[in-house]
Amino acid sequence: MAKRKLVSVLPVKKRWKDPRYFAAAPTRDQAKRIFWKDLKALVPQAWVKKIYETDLCVLTRFGSEIWVAGLDKPQRLEGTPWDGGVLDEYANMKAAAWTENIRPALSDREGWCWFIGVPEGLNHYKDLVDYAKSGVDQDWGVYSWRSSDILPEAEVSAARRLLDPRTFRQEYEGSFEGRNGRVYYAYRSEIHEDAGITLKQNLPVNICCDFNVDTCVWEVCQVHGGRVVIVDEIHLRNTNTIEMGREAVRRYGSHKAGIIVYGDAAGMSRSTTGKSDYALLHELGLKDQRIKKANPPVKDRVNTVNAMLESASAEVKLIHHPRCKALRKDFETVEWKENGIEIDKSKPERTHAADAVGYFLEYEFPLRIAKPDPHKRFYK
């Protein structure tokens, strides 16, 4: 709808010769991926005078222009009057971008603006929605749709089974959900802790790593029956990667089904001995390593953990043995910072166990639901 809106206004005559519109996202790469290809396809060829691929700009024969821009630097839209534009994924933009950079640039031409995207906690997006709903300013309006309005029921049901309740409400029902407080809010020891857990000799042992010195915590898990079972915890103080690796080999080196290493992508390059953490583990015999090139966003990792702890359909897919004390402490006490976006890491002994599990879960059980057909464009 936003892309069609931008294209539909291009032939509209103004008092000035150069009506100018923008399509913006949090970063330039993101904006280009979201808008550029589709906008070029939607603008009729008879309207196009010139396309500037480097600047991401379409100049029309009417004199109007449409620009694709990233707002990681909101000042990019300053200094030029705009007739209107779209801010996609507005919740992930800087809070001051609208008031300090974009709103003044629209004033000269009394321009319009659409703010679109999924809620991201109780941040500036929520404040703007509340203002629009208040009725104080008649120029504002709020429109929202649930995913069930446009997606097949089977797809929504799959998401309900996969996601935790709070993430489902936010991502599929457009609900503003607070993030302040406990990060792993889906955790309850009475349903996630099981003293009857035992190591299965016919299944591989997964070592989940988060590299640190004091303290260093690795979690040991197995997957069976679609469930992740955390059987053990390697927890050492004032240590290093080699000592942790040796302890892992001492405990599980003879496991016949093998050992697989997962963990922090930063360990691919970080080193205190001239070799990466994973190179050191490789030398110790831990050669089966499944590491992503880059760590997932914190939000994605946390959502994955919460979804495994309890999905929106009340399925529990993650349990642990009581000996995993650091993990339980993380699940029960780790909190968000006041901004609701970053995890509070002010306590050095916290977050490492949960982070380690999160890297494993995000690798093997990422929250990937929609499978769009790239050959089918929405406007055809």
Protein backbone atom coordinates (compact mmCIF):
# COMPACT_ATOMS: atom_id res chain seq x y z
CA MET A 1 0.00 0.00 0.00
CA ALA A 2 2.82 2.38 0.87
CA LYS A 3 4.65 1.70 -2.38
CA ARG A 4 1.47 2.28 -4.38
CA LYS A 5 0.82 5.49 -2.46
CA LEU A 6 4.27 6.83 -3.35
CA VAL A 7 3.85 6.02 -7.04
CA SER A 8 0.29 7.36 -7.24
CA VAL A 9 1.32 10.88 -6.20
CA LEU A 10 4.12 11.25 -8.75
CA PRO A 11 1.95 12.81 -11.51
CA VAL A 12 0.10 15.13 -9.12
CA LYS A 13 0.83 18.77 -10.01
CA LYS A 14 2.14 21.15 -7.35
CA ARG A 15 2.87 24.88 -7.24
CA TRP A 16 6.54 23.96 -7.62
CA LYS A 17 8.20 22.06 -10.46
CA ASP A 18 9.98 19.37 -8.42
CA PRO A 19 7.66 17.44 -6.07
CA ARG A 20 9.87 15.19 -4.02
CA TYR A 21 9.02 11.98 -2.08
CA PHE A 22 11.03 9.52 0.01
CA ALA A 23 10.83 5.84 0.93
CA ALA A 24 12.94 5.29 4.04
CA ALA A 25 13.99 2.42 6.31
CA PRO A 26 16.37 2.21 9.30
CA THR A 27 19.44 1.66 7.05
CA ARG A 28 20.21 2.33 3.39
CA ASP A 29 20.73 -1.36 2.60
CA GLN A 30 17.43 -2.21 4.23
CA ALA A 31 15.63 0.59 2.39
CA LYS A 32 17.09 -0.53 -0.94
CA ARG A 33 16.06 -4.14 -0.29
CA ILE A 34 12.51 -3.18 0.71
CA PHE A 35 11.71 -0.47 -1.81
CA TRP A 36 14.05 -0.01 -4.76
CA LYS A 37 13.23 -2.95 -7.04
CA ASP A 38 9.49 -2.71 -6.47
CA LEU A 39 9.29 1.05 -6.93
CA LYS A 40 11.14 0.85 -10.23
CA ALA A 41 8.71 -1.84 -11.36
CA LEU A 42 5.63 0.05 -10.20
CA VAL A 43 6.46 3.37 -11.87
CA PRO A 44 5.17 3.14 -15.46
CA GLN A 45 7.97 3.36 -18.00
CA ALA A 46 6.16 6.20 -19.77
CA TRP A 47 6.56 8.27 -16.60
CA VAL A 48 10.29 7.70 -16.19
CA LYS A 49 12.76 10.32 -17.34
CA LYS A 50 15.87 8.94 -15.64
CA ILE A 51 16.84 6.40 -12.97
CA TYR A 52 19.85 7.08 -10.76
CA GLU A 53 20.98 3.69 -9.48
CA THR A 54 23.76 5.08 -7.26
CA ASP A 55 21.54 7.66 -5.56
CA LEU A 56 18.46 5.37 -5.56
CA CYS A 57 16.32 8.02 -7.23
CA VAL A 58 13.67 7.93 -9.95
CA LEU A 59 13.13 11.20 -11.84
CA THR A 60 9.84 11.38 -13.73
CA ARG A 61 8.77 13.32 -16.82
CA PHE A 62 6.43 15.29 -14.56
CA GLY A 63 9.44 16.71 -12.73
CA SER A 64 8.65 14.73 -9.58
CA GLU A 65 11.23 12.56 -7.81
CA ILE A 66 11.10 9.53 -5.56
CA TRP A 67 14.12 8.72 -3.37
CA VAL A 68 15.01 5.61 -1.37
CA ALA A 69 16.98 6.47 1.77
CA GLY A 70 18.37 4.96 4.96
CA LEU A 71 17.81 6.75 8.24
CA ASP A 72 20.80 5.44 10.16
CA LYS A 73 21.82 9.07 9.52
CA PRO A 74 18.50 11.00 9.62
CA GLN A 75 20.20 14.23 8.57
CA ARG A 76 20.27 12.82 5.03
CA LEU A 77 16.73 14.15 4.61
CA GLU A 78 17.57 17.61 5.92
CA GLY A 79 18.20 20.66 3.76
CA THR A 80 15.70 19.63 1.10
CA PRO A 81 11.93 20.24 1.19
CA TRP A 82 9.82 17.10 0.83
CA ASP A 83 6.22 16.63 -0.30
CA GLY A 84 5.73 13.31 1.45
CA GLY A 85 7.20 9.97 2.30
CA VAL A 86 7.07 6.62 4.02
CA LEU A 87 9.03 5.50 7.09
CA ASP A 88 9.11 1.71 7.13
CA GLU A 89 10.12 -0.24 10.27
CA TYR A 90 9.70 3.06 12.11
CA ALA A 91 10.03 1.36 15.50
CA ASN A 92 13.67 0.58 14.69
CA MET A 93 14.56 4.14 13.73
CA LYS A 94 16.10 6.69 16.05
CA ALA A 95 13.50 8.29 18.31
CA ALA A 96 14.49 11.84 17.35
CA ALA A 97 14.54 11.22 13.58
CA TRP A 98 10.92 12.31 13.10
CA THR A 99 10.84 15.39 15.31
CA GLU A 100 14.33 16.72 14.62
CA ASN A 101 15.01 15.74 11.01
CA ILE A 102 11.98 14.66 9.01
CA ARG A 103 9.12 16.78 10.36
CA PRO A 104 10.94 20.10 9.69
CA ALA A 105 11.81 18.95 6.15
CA LEU A 106 8.09 18.40 5.42
CA SER A 107 6.95 21.75 6.79
CA ASP A 108 7.76 24.00 3.81
CA ARG A 109 5.50 22.03 1.49
CA GLU A 110 3.02 20.81 4.13
CA GLY A 111 4.07 17.27 3.30
CA TRP A 112 2.52 14.02 4.47
CA CYS A 113 4.12 10.97 6.09
CA TRP A 114 3.21 7.33 6.63
CA PHE A 115 4.74 5.39 9.53
CA ILE A 116 4.53 1.65 8.99
CA GLY A 117 5.92 -1.49 10.57
CA VAL A 118 5.54 -4.01 13.35
CA PRO A 119 5.61 -2.76 16.99
CA GLU A 120 8.92 -3.10 18.87
CA GLY A 121 8.16 -2.72 22.55
CA LEU A 122 6.86 0.41 24.24
CA ASN A 123 9.07 2.92 22.46
CA HIS A 124 8.66 6.07 20.34
CA TYR A 125 6.46 4.22 17.84
CA LYS A 126 3.99 3.45 20.62
CA ASP A 127 4.10 7.10 21.75
CA LEU A 128 3.28 8.26 18.21
CA VAL A 129 0.41 5.77 17.87
CA ASP A 130 -1.02 6.91 21.23
CA TYR A 131 -0.83 10.53 20.08
CA ALA A 132 -2.62 9.72 16.83
CA LYS A 133 -5.33 7.80 18.69
CA SER A 134 -5.89 10.60 21.19
CA GLY A 135 -7.75 12.73 18.64
CA VAL A 136 -5.86 15.86 19.70
CA ASP A 137 -4.64 16.39 16.14
CA GLN A 138 -7.14 15.64 13.36
CA ASP A 139 -4.33 15.33 10.80
CA TRP A 140 -3.34 11.98 12.28
CA GLY A 141 -4.85 8.54 11.82
CA VAL A 142 -4.06 4.96 12.88
CA TYR A 143 -4.73 1.81 10.88
CA SER A 144 -3.75 -1.73 11.78
CA TRP A 145 -4.34 -5.26 10.54
CA ARG A 146 -3.75 -8.67 12.02
CA SER A 147 -1.76 -11.12 9.97
CA SER A 148 -4.82 -13.35 9.80
CA ASP A 149 -6.44 -10.71 7.57
CA ILE A 150 -4.00 -11.44 4.75
CA LEU A 151 -2.21 -14.72 5.54
CA PRO A 152 -3.61 -18.25 5.25
CA GLU A 153 -4.92 -19.66 8.51
CA ALA A 154 -2.41 -22.53 8.30
CA GLU A 155 0.43 -20.02 8.24
CA VAL A 156 -0.88 -18.14 11.28
CA SER A 157 -1.46 -21.42 13.13
CA ALA A 158 2.13 -22.45 12.39
CA ALA A 159 3.35 -19.17 13.84
CA ARG A 160 1.20 -19.65 16.93
CA ARG A 161 2.82 -23.03 17.54
CA LEU A 162 6.32 -21.70 16.95
CA LEU A 163 6.37 -18.31 18.71
CA ASP A 164 5.96 -17.44 22.36
CA PRO A 165 2.68 -15.62 23.26
CA ARG A 166 4.16 -12.14 23.57
CA THR A 167 6.11 -12.32 20.31
CA PHE A 168 3.06 -13.74 18.50
CA ARG A 169 0.87 -10.86 19.69
CA GLN A 170 3.49 -8.35 18.57
CA GLU A 171 4.46 -9.86 15.22
CA TYR A 172 1.08 -11.23 14.11
CA GLU A 173 -1.49 -9.08 15.90
CA GLY A 174 0.20 -5.67 15.87
CA SER A 175 0.22 -5.42 19.65
CA PHE A 176 2.66 -3.15 21.50
CA GLU A 177 4.29 -5.39 24.07
CA GLY A 178 6.59 -4.10 26.80
CA ARG A 179 10.15 -5.45 26.90
CA ASN A 180 11.26 -3.96 30.19
CA GLY A 181 11.70 -6.52 32.95
CA ARG A 182 12.66 -10.15 32.52
CA VAL A 183 14.17 -11.08 29.19
CA TYR A 184 13.19 -14.76 29.40
CA TYR A 185 9.67 -14.18 30.69
CA ALA A 186 8.44 -17.53 29.33
CA TYR A 187 10.60 -19.45 31.82
CA ARG A 188 9.08 -21.18 34.86
CA SER A 189 11.26 -23.58 36.80
CA GLU A 190 8.32 -25.80 37.74
CA ILE A 191 7.79 -26.79 34.09
CA HIS A 192 11.27 -26.30 32.61
CA GLU A 193 13.40 -28.06 35.24
CA ASP A 194 13.47 -31.86 35.31
CA ALA A 195 15.73 -33.91 37.57
CA GLY A 196 14.92 -37.06 35.58
CA ILE A 197 16.90 -35.92 32.53
CA THR A 198 19.62 -38.34 31.46
CA LEU A 199 22.23 -38.36 28.70
CA LYS A 200 21.18 -40.36 25.61
CA GLN A 201 24.12 -42.38 24.33
CA ASN A 202 22.71 -42.69 20.80
CA LEU A 203 22.37 -38.90 20.30
CA PRO A 204 25.13 -36.34 19.66
CA VAL A 205 26.20 -34.05 22.48
CA ASN A 206 25.86 -30.37 21.61
CA ILE A 207 28.27 -28.01 23.38
CA CYS A 208 26.85 -24.45 23.46
CA CYS A 209 29.64 -21.89 23.94
CA ASP A 210 29.80 -18.29 25.07
CA PHE A 211 33.42 -17.25 25.47
CA ASN A 212 34.38 -15.40 28.61
CA VAL A 213 37.06 -15.48 31.32
CA ASP A 214 35.29 -14.99 34.64
CA THR A 215 32.88 -16.62 34.68
CA CYS A 216 32.70 -18.90 31.65
CA VAL A 217 29.61 -21.06 31.20
CA TRP A 218 28.89 -23.62 28.50
CA GLU A 219 25.68 -25.62 28.25
CA VAL A 220 25.46 -29.23 27.09
CA CYS A 221 22.30 -30.36 25.35
CA GLN A 222 20.71 -32.99 23.15
CA VAL A 223 17.73 -32.93 20.82
CA HIS A 224 15.18 -35.71 20.77
CA GLY A 225 11.50 -35.83 20.00
CA GLY A 226 11.60 -32.25 18.76
CA ARG A 227 12.66 -31.14 22.23
CA VAL A 228 15.90 -29.59 23.42
CA VAL A 229 17.10 -31.20 26.64
CA ILE A 230 19.93 -29.46 28.50
CA VAL A 231 21.70 -32.19 30.42
CA ASP A 232 24.76 -30.48 31.88
CA GLU A 233 26.59 -27.23 32.49
CA ILE A 234 30.34 -26.54 32.34
CA HIS A 235 30.99 -23.63 34.67
CA LEU A 236 34.53 -22.44 35.48
CA ARG A 237 35.96 -19.27 37.05
CA ASN A 238 39.11 -17.42 35.93
CA THR A 239 39.54 -19.70 32.95
CA ASN A 240 40.12 -19.67 29.19
CA THR A 241 38.98 -21.44 26.04
CA ILE A 242 41.58 -24.21 26.31
CA GLU A 243 40.64 -25.09 29.90
CA MET A 244 36.94 -25.09 29.04
CA GLY A 245 37.60 -27.26 26.00
CA ARG A 246 39.63 -29.72 28.02
CA GLU A 247 36.84 -30.01 30.56
CA ALA A 248 34.32 -30.64 27.78
CA VAL A 249 36.56 -33.37 26.33
CA ARG A 250 37.10 -34.89 29.79
CA ARG A 251 33.37 -35.19 30.33
CA TYR A 252 32.19 -36.12 26.84
CA GLY A 253 35.21 -37.01 24.72
CA SER A 254 34.31 -40.69 24.75
CA HIS A 255 30.68 -40.12 23.75
CA LYS A 256 30.14 -42.48 20.83
CA ALA A 257 27.53 -40.40 19.00
CA GLY A 258 29.97 -37.50 18.78
CA ILE A 259 30.22 -33.88 19.89
CA ILE A 260 29.02 -30.80 18.00
CA VAL A 261 30.13 -27.28 18.95
CA TYR A 262 27.86 -24.22 18.64
CA GLY A 263 28.41 -20.72 19.91
CA ASP A 264 29.28 -17.06 19.64
CA ALA A 265 30.30 -16.05 16.10
CA ALA A 266 32.80 -13.59 17.59
CA GLY A 267 34.85 -16.59 18.66
CA MET A 268 35.85 -17.08 15.02
CA SER A 269 38.20 -14.12 15.24
CA ARG A 270 38.73 -13.32 18.90
CA SER A 271 41.92 -14.76 20.40
CA THR A 272 44.46 -14.16 23.16
CA THR A 273 46.97 -16.64 21.79
CA GLY A 274 47.08 -15.84 18.08
CA LYS A 275 44.43 -18.47 17.27
CA SER A 276 40.67 -18.15 17.32
CA ASP A 277 38.61 -19.80 20.06
CA TYR A 278 37.27 -22.32 17.58
CA ALA A 279 40.73 -23.11 16.23
CA LEU A 280 41.80 -23.93 19.79
CA LEU A 281 38.79 -26.22 20.24
CA HIS A 282 39.55 -27.88 16.90
CA GLU A 283 43.05 -28.74 18.14
CA LEU A 284 41.49 -30.36 21.20
CA GLY A 285 39.50 -32.69 18.97
CA LEU A 286 36.24 -30.71 18.90
CA LYS A 287 36.20 -30.53 15.12
CA ASP A 288 32.47 -30.60 14.29
CA GLN A 289 31.69 -26.87 14.63
CA ARG A 290 28.49 -25.20 13.43
CA ILE A 291 28.91 -21.46 13.73
CA LYS A 292 27.17 -18.69 11.84
CA LYS A 293 29.24 -16.02 10.10
CA ALA A 294 27.63 -13.37 12.31
CA ASN A 295 25.57 -13.44 15.47
CA PRO A 296 21.83 -12.94 15.04
CA PRO A 297 20.24 -9.75 16.39
CA VAL A 298 19.70 -9.97 20.15
CA LYS A 299 15.95 -9.68 19.67
CA ASP A 300 15.88 -12.68 17.31
CA ARG A 301 17.96 -14.81 19.67
CA VAL A 302 15.80 -13.93 22.68
CA ASN A 303 12.57 -14.53 20.76
CA THR A 304 13.86 -17.94 19.71
CA VAL A 305 14.65 -18.90 23.31
CA ASN A 306 11.28 -17.71 24.61
CA ALA A 307 9.46 -19.52 21.80
CA MET A 308 11.25 -22.77 22.73
CA LEU A 309 10.45 -22.26 26.41
CA GLU A 310 6.76 -21.91 25.60
CA SER A 311 5.03 -21.25 22.29
CA ALA A 312 1.79 -19.34 21.87
CA SER A 313 0.04 -22.73 21.68
CA ALA A 314 1.57 -23.67 25.09
CA GLU A 315 4.12 -26.17 23.72
CA VAL A 316 7.26 -26.54 25.87
CA LYS A 317 10.27 -27.50 23.75
CA LEU A 318 13.13 -26.71 26.13
CA ILE A 319 13.89 -28.24 29.53
CA HIS A 320 17.02 -28.50 31.68
CA HIS A 321 18.50 -30.51 34.53
CA PRO A 322 18.68 -28.84 37.99
CA ARG A 323 22.49 -28.98 37.80
CA CYS A 324 22.32 -26.18 35.20
CA LYS A 325 22.25 -23.54 37.92
CA ALA A 326 23.73 -20.63 35.96
CA LEU A 327 21.19 -21.18 33.19
CA ARG A 328 18.29 -21.18 35.60
CA LYS A 329 19.63 -18.00 37.22
CA ASP A 330 19.87 -16.31 33.82
CA PHE A 331 16.36 -17.33 32.84
CA GLU A 332 14.98 -16.03 36.12
CA THR A 333 16.94 -12.80 36.59
CA VAL A 334 18.36 -11.37 33.33
CA GLU A 335 16.59 -8.12 32.49
CA TRP A 336 16.36 -5.56 29.71
CA LYS A 337 17.95 -2.16 30.02
CA GLU A 338 15.59 0.78 30.34
CA ASN A 339 15.54 1.26 26.58
CA GLY A 340 13.94 -2.19 26.24
CA ILE A 341 16.28 -3.06 23.37
CA GLU A 342 19.58 -4.09 24.99
CA ILE A 343 20.14 -6.78 27.62
CA ASP A 344 21.49 -5.54 30.94
CA LYS A 345 24.99 -7.02 31.25
CA SER A 346 26.05 -5.04 34.32
CA LYS A 347 26.40 -8.25 36.36
CA PRO A 348 29.48 -10.06 34.98
CA GLU A 349 28.32 -13.51 36.10
CA ARG A 350 25.00 -13.24 34.26
CA THR A 351 23.78 -13.74 30.66
CA HIS A 352 26.55 -16.15 29.51
CA ALA A 353 24.60 -19.38 29.99
CA ALA A 354 21.45 -18.09 28.31
CA ASP A 355 23.49 -16.53 25.49
CA ALA A 356 25.21 -19.86 24.84
CA VAL A 357 21.88 -21.68 24.59
CA GLY A 358 20.53 -18.88 22.41
CA TYR A 359 23.30 -19.28 19.83
CA PHE A 360 22.51 -23.00 19.54
CA LEU A 361 18.75 -22.50 19.31
CA GLU A 362 19.01 -19.70 16.76
CA TYR A 363 21.21 -21.95 14.60
CA GLU A 364 19.02 -25.06 14.76
CA PHE A 365 15.54 -23.62 15.47
CA PRO A 366 15.42 -20.12 13.93
CA LEU A 367 12.07 -18.39 13.81
CA ARG A 368 11.51 -18.63 10.07
CA ILE A 369 7.87 -18.95 9.09
CA ALA A 370 6.81 -17.20 5.88
CA LYS A 371 8.14 -18.69 2.66
CA PRO A 372 7.25 -16.13 -0.04
CA ASP A 373 7.58 -17.07 -3.68
CA PRO A 374 10.19 -14.66 -5.12
CA HIS A 375 8.64 -15.07 -8.56
CA LYS A 376 5.28 -13.69 -7.45
CA ARG A 377 5.21 -9.94 -6.96
CA PHE A 378 2.32 -8.42 -5.07
CA TYR A 379 1.55 -5.86 -7.77
CA LYS A 380 1.20 -8.23 -10.70
